[in-house]
Amino acid sequence: MATSARDVMTADAKCVQEDDTIRTAAEALAENGVGAMPICGNDNRLKGMLTDRDITIEVVAKGKDPDSTKVSELADGKPVTIGADDPVEEALRTMKDHQVRRLPVIDGHDLIGIVSQADVAKNLPDEKVGDLVEAISQG
């Protein structure tokens, strides 16, 4: 039975770097087949999350150049995270409270994985999954 964030996360999360261009970040999303990636700083600390929606709304829709706009322009600097050994219940509560579909998992200051809605669906009872989806969808 999954008891910690580490038990349900997808390990080896890859980052986009804060100095990457939006085009480079979009290529990384496509290459990895994901809709979001953590933003890591030059100091190896998590700076935020970048989503395909962020790129669409904040870059494309506003007519910004994806070849000159830096990922750091979309990083909010206050990412919502969960500790690797925190209980899975806390991860669910954090995802619900902040209405996020993906939650970076850190061990100390190091990013070691991501807990996504899909991870929750694969590892927890249907009732908990339904509660999470309902809470996130209200936003």
N, C-alpha and C. Protein backbone atom coordinates (compact mmCIF):
# COMPACT_ATOMS: atom_id res chain seq x y z
N MET A 1 0.85 -1.19 0.00
CA MET A 1 0.00 0.00 0.00
C MET A 1 0.89 1.25 0.00
N ALA A 2 0.55 2.21 -0.85
CA ALA A 2 1.32 3.45 -0.95
C ALA A 2 1.08 4.29 0.31
N THR A 3 2.18 4.69 0.95
CA THR A 3 2.04 5.48 2.17
C THR A 3 2.69 6.86 2.08
N SER A 4 3.66 7.03 1.19
CA SER A 4 4.34 8.32 1.09
C SER A 4 4.32 8.82 -0.35
N ALA A 5 4.64 10.09 -0.50
CA ALA A 5 4.72 10.68 -1.84
C ALA A 5 5.71 9.89 -2.70
N ARG A 6 6.80 9.46 -2.09
CA ARG A 6 7.82 8.68 -2.80
C ARG A 6 7.22 7.40 -3.39
N ASP A 7 6.24 6.81 -2.70
CA ASP A 7 5.64 5.55 -3.14
C ASP A 7 4.78 5.71 -4.39
N VAL A 8 4.22 6.89 -4.63
CA VAL A 8 3.31 7.06 -5.76
C VAL A 8 3.88 7.93 -6.88
N MET A 9 4.98 8.61 -6.62
CA MET A 9 5.52 9.56 -7.61
C MET A 9 6.10 8.86 -8.83
N THR A 10 6.20 9.63 -9.90
CA THR A 10 6.99 9.24 -11.05
C THR A 10 8.38 9.80 -10.80
N ALA A 11 9.38 8.91 -10.75
CA ALA A 11 10.74 9.32 -10.41
C ALA A 11 11.46 9.96 -11.59
N ASP A 12 12.61 10.54 -11.29
CA ASP A 12 13.49 11.10 -12.30
C ASP A 12 12.84 12.21 -13.13
N ALA A 13 12.17 13.11 -12.46
CA ALA A 13 11.55 14.23 -13.16
C ALA A 13 12.63 15.07 -13.82
N LYS A 14 12.37 15.46 -15.05
CA LYS A 14 13.30 16.32 -15.77
C LYS A 14 12.82 17.76 -15.63
N CYS A 15 13.77 18.68 -15.65
CA CYS A 15 13.46 20.11 -15.52
C CYS A 15 13.72 20.84 -16.83
N VAL A 16 13.02 21.95 -16.99
CA VAL A 16 13.46 22.96 -17.93
C VAL A 16 14.24 23.96 -17.09
N GLN A 17 15.22 24.59 -17.67
CA GLN A 17 16.05 25.53 -16.93
C GLN A 17 15.49 26.94 -17.04
N GLU A 18 15.66 27.73 -16.01
CA GLU A 18 15.10 29.07 -15.99
C GLU A 18 15.64 29.94 -17.12
N ASP A 19 16.84 29.65 -17.63
CA ASP A 19 17.43 30.43 -18.72
C ASP A 19 17.06 29.91 -20.10
N ASP A 20 16.35 28.77 -20.17
CA ASP A 20 15.91 28.24 -21.46
C ASP A 20 14.91 29.19 -22.11
N THR A 21 14.88 29.16 -23.44
CA THR A 21 13.83 29.91 -24.14
C THR A 21 12.55 29.09 -24.08
N ILE A 22 11.45 29.76 -24.32
CA ILE A 22 10.15 29.07 -24.36
C ILE A 22 10.15 28.02 -25.46
N ARG A 23 10.78 28.30 -26.60
CA ARG A 23 10.82 27.30 -27.68
C ARG A 23 11.55 26.03 -27.19
N THR A 24 12.68 26.20 -26.55
CA THR A 24 13.43 25.06 -26.02
C THR A 24 12.59 24.28 -25.01
N ALA A 25 11.89 25.00 -24.14
CA ALA A 25 11.03 24.36 -23.14
C ALA A 25 9.88 23.62 -23.81
N ALA A 26 9.27 24.22 -24.82
CA ALA A 26 8.17 23.57 -25.53
C ALA A 26 8.66 22.30 -26.22
N GLU A 27 9.86 22.34 -26.77
CA GLU A 27 10.45 21.15 -27.39
C GLU A 27 10.68 20.07 -26.34
N ALA A 28 11.10 20.46 -25.14
CA ALA A 28 11.31 19.49 -24.05
C ALA A 28 9.98 18.85 -23.63
N LEU A 29 8.92 19.64 -23.55
CA LEU A 29 7.60 19.10 -23.22
C LEU A 29 7.20 18.06 -24.27
N ALA A 30 7.36 18.42 -25.55
CA ALA A 30 6.99 17.51 -26.64
C ALA A 30 7.84 16.25 -26.62
N GLU A 31 9.15 16.41 -26.45
CA GLU A 31 10.07 15.28 -26.44
C GLU A 31 9.76 14.29 -25.32
N ASN A 32 9.33 14.82 -24.17
CA ASN A 32 9.03 13.98 -23.02
C ASN A 32 7.57 13.54 -22.97
N GLY A 33 6.76 14.05 -23.89
CA GLY A 33 5.36 13.66 -23.96
C GLY A 33 4.56 14.08 -22.74
N VAL A 34 4.89 15.27 -22.20
CA VAL A 34 4.21 15.76 -21.00
C VAL A 34 3.65 17.16 -21.24
N GLY A 35 2.71 17.56 -20.39
CA GLY A 35 2.10 18.88 -20.49
C GLY A 35 2.66 19.88 -19.50
N ALA A 36 3.58 19.43 -18.65
CA ALA A 36 4.17 20.32 -17.66
C ALA A 36 5.53 19.77 -17.23
N MET A 37 6.41 20.69 -16.89
CA MET A 37 7.72 20.30 -16.34
C MET A 37 8.11 21.31 -15.28
N PRO A 38 8.85 20.86 -14.28
CA PRO A 38 9.36 21.78 -13.27
C PRO A 38 10.39 22.73 -13.90
N ILE A 39 10.46 23.93 -13.35
CA ILE A 39 11.48 24.90 -13.75
C ILE A 39 12.56 24.88 -12.67
N CYS A 40 13.79 24.58 -13.09
CA CYS A 40 14.91 24.56 -12.15
C CYS A 40 15.82 25.75 -12.40
N GLY A 41 16.31 26.31 -11.32
CA GLY A 41 17.19 27.47 -11.42
C GLY A 41 18.64 27.07 -11.55
N ASN A 42 19.46 28.07 -11.78
CA ASN A 42 20.91 27.85 -11.88
C ASN A 42 21.48 27.35 -10.56
N ASP A 43 20.73 27.58 -9.47
CA ASP A 43 21.16 27.12 -8.15
C ASP A 43 20.59 25.72 -7.84
N ASN A 44 20.02 25.07 -8.86
CA ASN A 44 19.42 23.74 -8.76
C ASN A 44 18.19 23.70 -7.86
N ARG A 45 17.63 24.84 -7.56
CA ARG A 45 16.40 24.85 -6.77
C ARG A 45 15.20 25.01 -7.69
N LEU A 46 14.09 24.46 -7.23
CA LEU A 46 12.86 24.53 -7.99
C LEU A 46 12.33 25.97 -8.00
N LYS A 47 12.00 26.47 -9.19
CA LYS A 47 11.52 27.85 -9.33
C LYS A 47 10.03 27.92 -9.66
N GLY A 48 9.47 26.82 -10.08
CA GLY A 48 8.05 26.81 -10.45
C GLY A 48 7.77 25.64 -11.37
N MET A 49 6.60 25.70 -11.98
CA MET A 49 6.20 24.70 -12.97
C MET A 49 5.84 25.44 -14.25
N LEU A 50 6.19 24.85 -15.37
CA LEU A 50 5.83 25.39 -16.68
C LEU A 50 4.86 24.41 -17.31
N THR A 51 3.73 24.92 -17.78
CA THR A 51 2.75 24.07 -18.44
C THR A 51 2.57 24.52 -19.88
N ASP A 52 2.04 23.60 -20.68
CA ASP A 52 1.73 23.95 -22.06
C ASP A 52 0.70 25.08 -22.10
N ARG A 53 -0.16 25.12 -21.12
CA ARG A 53 -1.15 26.20 -21.02
C ARG A 53 -0.47 27.55 -20.77
N ASP A 54 0.56 27.55 -19.90
CA ASP A 54 1.32 28.78 -19.66
C ASP A 54 1.90 29.31 -20.97
N ILE A 55 2.46 28.41 -21.76
CA ILE A 55 3.05 28.82 -23.03
C ILE A 55 1.99 29.41 -23.94
N THR A 56 0.85 28.77 -24.01
CA THR A 56 -0.23 29.24 -24.87
C THR A 56 -0.76 30.60 -24.42
N ILE A 57 -1.07 30.74 -23.14
CA ILE A 57 -1.70 31.96 -22.61
C ILE A 57 -0.71 33.11 -22.46
N GLU A 58 0.47 32.82 -21.91
CA GLU A 58 1.41 33.88 -21.56
C GLU A 58 2.39 34.24 -22.67
N VAL A 59 2.56 33.37 -23.64
CA VAL A 59 3.52 33.67 -24.71
C VAL A 59 2.80 33.81 -26.05
N VAL A 60 2.18 32.74 -26.52
CA VAL A 60 1.57 32.76 -27.84
C VAL A 60 0.43 33.79 -27.93
N ALA A 61 -0.50 33.74 -26.98
CA ALA A 61 -1.66 34.63 -27.04
C ALA A 61 -1.28 36.10 -26.87
N LYS A 62 -0.15 36.34 -26.22
CA LYS A 62 0.29 37.73 -26.00
C LYS A 62 1.30 38.19 -27.05
N GLY A 63 1.53 37.34 -28.05
CA GLY A 63 2.40 37.72 -29.16
C GLY A 63 3.88 37.80 -28.81
N LYS A 64 4.29 37.15 -27.73
CA LYS A 64 5.71 37.17 -27.36
C LYS A 64 6.49 36.20 -28.25
N ASP A 65 7.76 36.47 -28.41
CA ASP A 65 8.62 35.64 -29.24
C ASP A 65 9.14 34.45 -28.42
N PRO A 66 8.78 33.23 -28.80
CA PRO A 66 9.23 32.05 -28.04
C PRO A 66 10.73 31.83 -28.13
N ASP A 67 11.39 32.47 -29.10
CA ASP A 67 12.84 32.31 -29.23
C ASP A 67 13.62 33.29 -28.35
N SER A 68 12.93 34.31 -27.84
CA SER A 68 13.64 35.26 -26.97
C SER A 68 13.05 35.33 -25.56
N THR A 69 11.83 34.84 -25.38
CA THR A 69 11.22 34.83 -24.05
C THR A 69 11.83 33.70 -23.24
N LYS A 70 12.28 34.02 -22.04
CA LYS A 70 12.91 33.03 -21.16
C LYS A 70 11.87 32.37 -20.26
N VAL A 71 12.12 31.13 -19.92
CA VAL A 71 11.26 30.37 -19.02
C VAL A 71 11.11 31.12 -17.68
N SER A 72 12.17 31.78 -17.24
CA SER A 72 12.13 32.49 -15.95
C SER A 72 11.02 33.53 -15.89
N GLU A 73 10.61 34.04 -17.04
CA GLU A 73 9.52 35.02 -17.07
C GLU A 73 8.19 34.40 -16.65
N LEU A 74 8.08 33.09 -16.71
CA LEU A 74 6.84 32.40 -16.34
C LEU A 74 6.94 31.70 -14.99
N ALA A 75 8.11 31.73 -14.38
CA ALA A 75 8.29 31.09 -13.06
C ALA A 75 7.78 32.03 -11.99
N ASP A 76 6.93 31.50 -11.11
CA ASP A 76 6.37 32.35 -10.05
C ASP A 76 7.25 32.40 -8.81
N GLY A 77 8.24 31.51 -8.72
CA GLY A 77 9.16 31.54 -7.60
C GLY A 77 8.64 30.92 -6.32
N LYS A 78 7.38 30.49 -6.31
CA LYS A 78 6.81 29.89 -5.11
C LYS A 78 6.12 28.58 -5.46
N PRO A 79 6.90 27.59 -5.92
CA PRO A 79 6.26 26.35 -6.33
C PRO A 79 5.66 25.59 -5.15
N VAL A 80 4.57 24.94 -5.40
CA VAL A 80 3.93 24.08 -4.41
C VAL A 80 4.61 22.72 -4.53
N THR A 81 5.14 22.20 -3.41
CA THR A 81 5.86 20.93 -3.44
C THR A 81 5.40 20.04 -2.29
N ILE A 82 5.92 18.83 -2.30
CA ILE A 82 5.69 17.89 -1.21
C ILE A 82 7.02 17.19 -0.93
N GLY A 83 7.28 16.90 0.32
CA GLY A 83 8.47 16.15 0.68
C GLY A 83 8.32 14.69 0.31
N ALA A 84 9.41 14.07 -0.08
CA ALA A 84 9.38 12.68 -0.55
C ALA A 84 8.79 11.73 0.48
N ASP A 85 9.06 11.97 1.75
CA ASP A 85 8.59 11.05 2.78
C ASP A 85 7.32 11.52 3.48
N ASP A 86 6.73 12.60 2.96
CA ASP A 86 5.45 13.06 3.51
C ASP A 86 4.36 12.05 3.15
N PRO A 87 3.37 11.90 4.02
CA PRO A 87 2.29 10.94 3.75
C PRO A 87 1.56 11.27 2.44
N VAL A 88 1.13 10.23 1.76
CA VAL A 88 0.40 10.41 0.51
C VAL A 88 -0.87 11.23 0.74
N GLU A 89 -1.45 11.12 1.93
CA GLU A 89 -2.64 11.91 2.27
C GLU A 89 -2.32 13.41 2.23
N GLU A 90 -1.11 13.77 2.67
CA GLU A 90 -0.71 15.18 2.62
C GLU A 90 -0.53 15.65 1.18
N ALA A 91 0.00 14.77 0.33
CA ALA A 91 0.14 15.10 -1.09
C ALA A 91 -1.24 15.37 -1.69
N LEU A 92 -2.21 14.51 -1.39
CA LEU A 92 -3.58 14.71 -1.89
C LEU A 92 -4.16 16.02 -1.39
N ARG A 93 -3.98 16.29 -0.11
CA ARG A 93 -4.51 17.52 0.49
C ARG A 93 -3.87 18.75 -0.17
N THR A 94 -2.56 18.68 -0.40
CA THR A 94 -1.85 19.80 -1.02
C THR A 94 -2.35 20.02 -2.45
N MET A 95 -2.53 18.94 -3.20
CA MET A 95 -3.03 19.06 -4.57
C MET A 95 -4.43 19.67 -4.58
N LYS A 96 -5.27 19.23 -3.65
CA LYS A 96 -6.64 19.77 -3.56
C LYS A 96 -6.62 21.24 -3.16
N ASP A 97 -5.86 21.56 -2.11
CA ASP A 97 -5.84 22.93 -1.58
C ASP A 97 -5.33 23.93 -2.60
N HIS A 98 -4.35 23.51 -3.39
CA HIS A 98 -3.74 24.43 -4.37
C HIS A 98 -4.26 24.21 -5.78
N GLN A 99 -5.17 23.26 -5.92
CA GLN A 99 -5.78 22.91 -7.20
C GLN A 99 -4.73 22.71 -8.29
N VAL A 100 -3.76 21.83 -7.99
CA VAL A 100 -2.71 21.49 -8.95
C VAL A 100 -2.83 20.03 -9.35
N ARG A 101 -2.54 19.76 -10.60
CA ARG A 101 -2.61 18.40 -11.13
C ARG A 101 -1.28 17.66 -11.02
N ARG A 102 -0.21 18.43 -10.79
CA ARG A 102 1.13 17.86 -10.69
C ARG A 102 1.83 18.50 -9.51
N LEU A 103 2.45 17.68 -8.71
CA LEU A 103 3.09 18.16 -7.49
C LEU A 103 4.55 17.68 -7.46
N PRO A 104 5.50 18.62 -7.57
CA PRO A 104 6.91 18.22 -7.50
C PRO A 104 7.23 17.63 -6.12
N VAL A 105 8.03 16.57 -6.14
CA VAL A 105 8.45 15.88 -4.92
C VAL A 105 9.92 16.22 -4.69
N ILE A 106 10.20 16.74 -3.49
CA ILE A 106 11.58 17.11 -3.18
C ILE A 106 12.10 16.29 -2.01
N ASP A 107 13.40 16.06 -2.05
CA ASP A 107 14.11 15.42 -0.95
C ASP A 107 15.20 16.41 -0.56
N GLY A 108 15.00 17.10 0.55
CA GLY A 108 15.86 18.23 0.89
C GLY A 108 15.50 19.37 -0.05
N HIS A 109 16.46 19.77 -0.89
CA HIS A 109 16.19 20.78 -1.91
C HIS A 109 16.19 20.19 -3.32
N ASP A 110 16.39 18.87 -3.41
CA ASP A 110 16.53 18.22 -4.71
C ASP A 110 15.19 17.70 -5.20
N LEU A 111 14.89 18.00 -6.45
CA LEU A 111 13.70 17.46 -7.11
C LEU A 111 13.97 16.01 -7.44
N ILE A 112 13.11 15.11 -6.96
CA ILE A 112 13.33 13.68 -7.24
C ILE A 112 12.17 13.03 -7.99
N GLY A 113 11.06 13.76 -8.15
CA GLY A 113 9.94 13.17 -8.86
C GLY A 113 8.76 14.12 -8.91
N ILE A 114 7.66 13.60 -9.44
CA ILE A 114 6.41 14.36 -9.55
C ILE A 114 5.27 13.41 -9.18
N VAL A 115 4.33 13.90 -8.39
CA VAL A 115 3.09 13.17 -8.17
C VAL A 115 2.05 13.83 -9.07
N SER A 116 1.50 13.07 -9.98
CA SER A 116 0.48 13.59 -10.89
C SER A 116 -0.87 12.96 -10.58
N GLN A 117 -1.90 13.51 -11.19
CA GLN A 117 -3.23 12.91 -11.06
C GLN A 117 -3.19 11.45 -11.49
N ALA A 118 -2.46 11.17 -12.56
CA ALA A 118 -2.37 9.79 -13.07
C ALA A 118 -1.70 8.88 -12.04
N ASP A 119 -0.67 9.39 -11.36
CA ASP A 119 -0.01 8.59 -10.32
C ASP A 119 -0.99 8.25 -9.21
N VAL A 120 -1.79 9.23 -8.83
CA VAL A 120 -2.80 9.03 -7.79
C VAL A 120 -3.80 7.97 -8.26
N ALA A 121 -4.25 8.10 -9.51
CA ALA A 121 -5.24 7.17 -10.05
C ALA A 121 -4.73 5.73 -10.07
N LYS A 122 -3.44 5.57 -10.35
CA LYS A 122 -2.86 4.22 -10.43
C LYS A 122 -2.61 3.59 -9.06
N ASN A 123 -2.46 4.43 -8.03
CA ASN A 123 -1.98 3.92 -6.75
C ASN A 123 -2.94 4.03 -5.57
N LEU A 124 -4.05 4.72 -5.74
CA LEU A 124 -4.95 4.93 -4.61
C LEU A 124 -6.36 4.48 -4.94
N PRO A 125 -7.18 4.27 -3.91
CA PRO A 125 -8.56 3.84 -4.14
C PRO A 125 -9.36 4.86 -4.95
N ASP A 126 -10.32 4.36 -5.72
CA ASP A 126 -11.13 5.21 -6.60
C ASP A 126 -11.76 6.39 -5.87
N GLU A 127 -12.20 6.19 -4.64
CA GLU A 127 -12.85 7.27 -3.89
C GLU A 127 -11.91 8.46 -3.71
N LYS A 128 -10.66 8.20 -3.37
CA LYS A 128 -9.68 9.28 -3.17
C LYS A 128 -9.37 9.97 -4.50
N VAL A 129 -9.31 9.18 -5.57
CA VAL A 129 -9.05 9.75 -6.89
C VAL A 129 -10.21 10.67 -7.28
N GLY A 130 -11.43 10.21 -7.07
CA GLY A 130 -12.61 11.01 -7.40
C GLY A 130 -12.65 12.31 -6.62
N ASP A 131 -12.32 12.24 -5.34
CA ASP A 131 -12.28 13.45 -4.50
C ASP A 131 -11.26 14.44 -5.03
N LEU A 132 -10.10 13.95 -5.43
CA LEU A 132 -9.04 14.82 -5.95
C LEU A 132 -9.47 15.48 -7.25
N VAL A 133 -9.97 14.69 -8.18
CA VAL A 133 -10.39 15.24 -9.48
C VAL A 133 -11.48 16.27 -9.29
N GLU A 134 -12.43 16.00 -8.42
CA GLU A 134 -13.50 16.96 -8.15
C GLU A 134 -12.96 18.26 -7.57
N ALA A 135 -12.06 18.16 -6.61
CA ALA A 135 -11.50 19.35 -5.98
C ALA A 135 -10.70 20.20 -6.97
N ILE A 136 -9.90 19.55 -7.80
CA ILE A 136 -9.07 20.28 -8.77
C ILE A 136 -9.93 20.90 -9.86
N SER A 137 -10.99 20.22 -10.24
CA SER A 137 -11.84 20.70 -11.34
C SER A 137 -12.71 21.89 -10.96
N GLN A 138 -12.80 22.19 -9.68
CA GLN A 138 -13.64 23.31 -9.24
C GLN A 138 -13.00 24.66 -9.52
N GLY A 139 -11.68 24.66 -9.82
CA GLY A 139 -10.94 25.90 -10.00
C GLY A 139 -11.14 26.58 -11.27
